[in-house]
Structures are given as structure tokens and as C-alpha cells.
Amino acid sequence: MNGSVVYTDGWKAYDGLLTNGYQHHRFHHLENEFVRGIMLTASNLFWRYAKFHMAKLRVVRKGKFLMHVNESEWRFNHRSDNIYSILLTQMRYFPL
């Protein structure tokens, strides 16, 4: 959501978060920074998951970054489900 605070590592693809209305703070893992004060990167697992999937694309356009984050979020939330079955059900009720 716009205005949400997002904590990530220094991966360059996260630069698009600022242009999409997020407050973006970086942790510098290369400098062994994983915690700043009492703030932990609770969403670190999701961002690692999203980065893995977006890295396969090699290039993510700035205008499409949020779409890829949303897809990664959906996949992350259904990572233990049968995605094929979910998509078939959705297509049955909402055909193209």
C-alpha cells in the first residue's frame, strides 16, 4: 500500500519502491547489518522469495515493478498450495 514502510537489502530492483509511494529503508547486508536498533527485517523471507523470482526475469521495468511484486506476493501467500488448482478454479468463475 502507498505509504507503507518497507525494509529491504540493497538490491537495485527495490529502487522502484520509492516511485510507487512506499517509504523505503535499506539494510546493508554486505556490511553485516541485519538489525538496526530494535527493528528486524520481518519481511526478509518474502523479499528473498520475490528477488529470486524477479532475478529470473533479468530486467524488470520500473513501470512493471509493482505488478511483479504483487505477483510475488500472491505466489508467496500460496507457496504451500496447489497453484494450478487455484488458477483453474479462478478461471472457472472469472473466465477471460
C-alpha atoms as a PDB file:
ATOM      1  CA  MET A   1       0.000   0.000   0.000  1.00  0.00           C
ATOM      2  CA  ASN A   2       1.165   3.502  -0.640  1.00  0.00           C
ATOM      3  CA  GLY A   3       2.757   4.997   2.441  1.00  0.00           C
ATOM      4  CA  SER A   4       3.737   1.574   3.798  1.00  0.00           C
ATOM      5  CA  VAL A   5       7.209   1.261   5.246  1.00  0.00           C
ATOM      6  CA  VAL A   6       9.379  -1.340   3.536  1.00  0.00           C
ATOM      7  CA  TYR A   7      12.749  -2.568   4.799  1.00  0.00           C
ATOM      8  CA  THR A   8      14.935  -4.344   2.246  1.00  0.00           C
ATOM      9  CA  ASP A   9      18.509  -5.123   1.441  1.00  0.00           C
ATOM     10  CA  GLY A  10      20.457  -3.099  -1.116  1.00  0.00           C
ATOM     11  CA  TRP A  11      19.244  -4.903  -4.251  1.00  0.00           C
ATOM     12  CA  LYS A  12      18.910  -2.312  -7.042  1.00  0.00           C
ATOM     13  CA  ALA A  13      15.482  -3.540  -8.195  1.00  0.00           C
ATOM     14  CA  TYR A  14      13.972  -2.204  -4.955  1.00  0.00           C
ATOM     15  CA  ASP A  15      14.618   1.357  -6.186  1.00  0.00           C
ATOM     16  CA  GLY A  16      11.130   1.265  -7.732  1.00  0.00           C
ATOM     17  CA  LEU A  17       9.511   1.168  -4.295  1.00  0.00           C
ATOM     18  CA  LEU A  18      10.114   4.890  -3.763  1.00  0.00           C
ATOM     19  CA  THR A  19       8.492   5.843  -7.062  1.00  0.00           C
ATOM     20  CA  ASN A  20       5.422   3.777  -6.115  1.00  0.00           C
ATOM     21  CA  GLY A  21       4.772   5.654  -2.876  1.00  0.00           C
ATOM     22  CA  TYR A  22       6.455   3.384  -0.331  1.00  0.00           C
ATOM     23  CA  GLN A  23       8.774   4.553   2.434  1.00  0.00           C
ATOM     24  CA  HIS A  24      11.901   2.538   1.728  1.00  0.00           C
ATOM     25  CA  HIS A  25      14.713   1.800   4.179  1.00  0.00           C
ATOM     26  CA  ARG A  26      17.707  -0.365   3.317  1.00  0.00           C
ATOM     27  CA  PHE A  27      19.739  -2.736   5.426  1.00  0.00           C
ATOM     28  CA  HIS A  28      23.308  -3.202   4.299  1.00  0.00           C
ATOM     29  CA  HIS A  29      23.826  -6.969   4.463  1.00  0.00           C
ATOM     30  CA  LEU A  30      27.273  -6.690   2.885  1.00  0.00           C
ATOM     31  CA  GLU A  31      28.301  -4.731   5.975  1.00  0.00           C
ATOM     32  CA  ASN A  32      26.693  -7.419   8.209  1.00  0.00           C
ATOM     33  CA  GLU A  33      23.765  -5.150   9.046  1.00  0.00           C
ATOM     34  CA  PHE A  34      20.611  -7.182   9.578  1.00  0.00           C
ATOM     35  CA  VAL A  35      19.184  -5.265  12.520  1.00  0.00           C
ATOM     36  CA  ARG A  36      19.025  -1.521  13.123  1.00  0.00           C
ATOM     37  CA  GLY A  37      18.018  -0.598  16.658  1.00  0.00           C
ATOM     38  CA  ILE A  38      15.151  -2.885  17.600  1.00  0.00           C
ATOM     39  CA  MET A  39      13.793  -3.141  14.032  1.00  0.00           C
ATOM     40  CA  LEU A  40      14.153  -6.584  12.467  1.00  0.00           C
ATOM     41  CA  THR A  41      13.552  -7.409   8.823  1.00  0.00           C
ATOM     42  CA  ALA A  42      10.379  -9.412   9.439  1.00  0.00           C
ATOM     43  CA  SER A  43       9.580  -9.497   5.725  1.00  0.00           C
ATOM     44  CA  ASN A  44      13.079 -10.626   4.777  1.00  0.00           C
ATOM     45  CA  LEU A  45      11.790 -14.075   3.792  1.00  0.00           C
ATOM     46  CA  PHE A  46       9.248 -12.584   1.374  1.00  0.00           C
ATOM     47  CA  TRP A  47      11.784 -10.245  -0.233  1.00  0.00           C
ATOM     48  CA  ARG A  48      14.250 -13.099  -0.672  1.00  0.00           C
ATOM     49  CA  TYR A  49      11.442 -15.067  -2.346  1.00  0.00           C
ATOM     50  CA  ALA A  50      10.456 -12.108  -4.569  1.00  0.00           C
ATOM     51  CA  LYS A  51      14.057 -11.357  -5.513  1.00  0.00           C
ATOM     52  CA  PHE A  52      14.629 -14.984  -6.514  1.00  0.00           C
ATOM     53  CA  HIS A  53      11.619 -14.930  -8.857  1.00  0.00           C
ATOM     54  CA  MET A  54      12.334 -11.491 -10.325  1.00  0.00           C
ATOM     55  CA  ALA A  55      16.013 -12.326 -10.872  1.00  0.00           C
ATOM     56  CA  LYS A  56      14.898 -14.957 -13.389  1.00  0.00           C
ATOM     57  CA  LEU A  57      13.440 -12.136 -15.486  1.00  0.00           C
ATOM     58  CA  ARG A  58      16.860 -10.383 -15.596  1.00  0.00           C
ATOM     59  CA  VAL A  59      15.253  -6.977 -16.244  1.00  0.00           C
ATOM     60  CA  VAL A  60      12.176  -5.567 -14.534  1.00  0.00           C
ATOM     61  CA  ARG A  61      10.914  -2.306 -15.978  1.00  0.00           C
ATOM     62  CA  LYS A  62      10.235   0.421 -13.457  1.00  0.00           C
ATOM     63  CA  GLY A  63       6.610   0.684 -14.568  1.00  0.00           C
ATOM     64  CA  LYS A  64       6.051  -3.070 -14.140  1.00  0.00           C
ATOM     65  CA  PHE A  65       7.896  -3.486 -10.827  1.00  0.00           C
ATOM     66  CA  LEU A  66       4.768  -3.211  -8.659  1.00  0.00           C
ATOM     67  CA  MET A  67       2.971  -5.781 -10.809  1.00  0.00           C
ATOM     68  CA  HIS A  68       5.841  -8.229 -10.260  1.00  0.00           C
ATOM     69  CA  VAL A  69       5.834  -7.527  -6.517  1.00  0.00           C
ATOM     70  CA  ASN A  70       2.089  -8.224  -6.423  1.00  0.00           C
ATOM     71  CA  GLU A  71       2.547 -11.490  -8.305  1.00  0.00           C
ATOM     72  CA  SER A  72       5.361 -12.491  -5.973  1.00  0.00           C
ATOM     73  CA  GLU A  73       3.150 -11.649  -3.001  1.00  0.00           C
ATOM     74  CA  TRP A  74       0.340 -13.850  -4.345  1.00  0.00           C
ATOM     75  CA  ARG A  75       2.734 -16.722  -5.040  1.00  0.00           C
ATOM     76  CA  PHE A  76       4.357 -16.307  -1.610  1.00  0.00           C
ATOM     77  CA  ASN A  77       0.979 -16.426   0.142  1.00  0.00           C
ATOM     78  CA  HIS A  78       0.064 -19.601  -1.788  1.00  0.00           C
ATOM     79  CA  ARG A  79       3.509 -21.261  -1.793  1.00  0.00           C
ATOM     80  CA  SER A  80       2.231 -24.335   0.057  1.00  0.00           C
ATOM     81  CA  ASP A  81      -0.975 -24.582  -2.004  1.00  0.00           C
ATOM     82  CA  ASN A  82      -1.595 -26.181  -5.375  1.00  0.00           C
ATOM     83  CA  ILE A  83      -1.391 -23.047  -7.536  1.00  0.00           C
ATOM     84  CA  TYR A  84      -2.598 -24.913 -10.625  1.00  0.00           C
ATOM     85  CA  SER A  85      -5.823 -25.911  -8.865  1.00  0.00           C
ATOM     86  CA  ILE A  86      -6.375 -22.356  -7.572  1.00  0.00           C
ATOM     87  CA  LEU A  87      -5.901 -20.872 -11.038  1.00  0.00           C
ATOM     88  CA  LEU A  88      -8.298 -23.384 -12.621  1.00  0.00           C
ATOM     89  CA  THR A  89     -10.938 -22.549 -10.023  1.00  0.00           C
ATOM     90  CA  GLN A  90     -10.471 -18.806 -10.574  1.00  0.00           C
ATOM     91  CA  MET A  91     -10.684 -19.223 -14.351  1.00  0.00           C
ATOM     92  CA  ARG A  92     -13.921 -21.172 -13.969  1.00  0.00           C
ATOM     93  CA  TYR A  93     -15.575 -18.325 -12.056  1.00  0.00           C
ATOM     94  CA  PHE A  94     -13.837 -15.448 -13.860  1.00  0.00           C
ATOM     95  CA  PRO A  95     -13.171 -16.558 -17.458  1.00  0.00           C
ATOM     96  CA  LEU A  96     -11.031 -14.445 -19.727  1.00  0.00           C
END
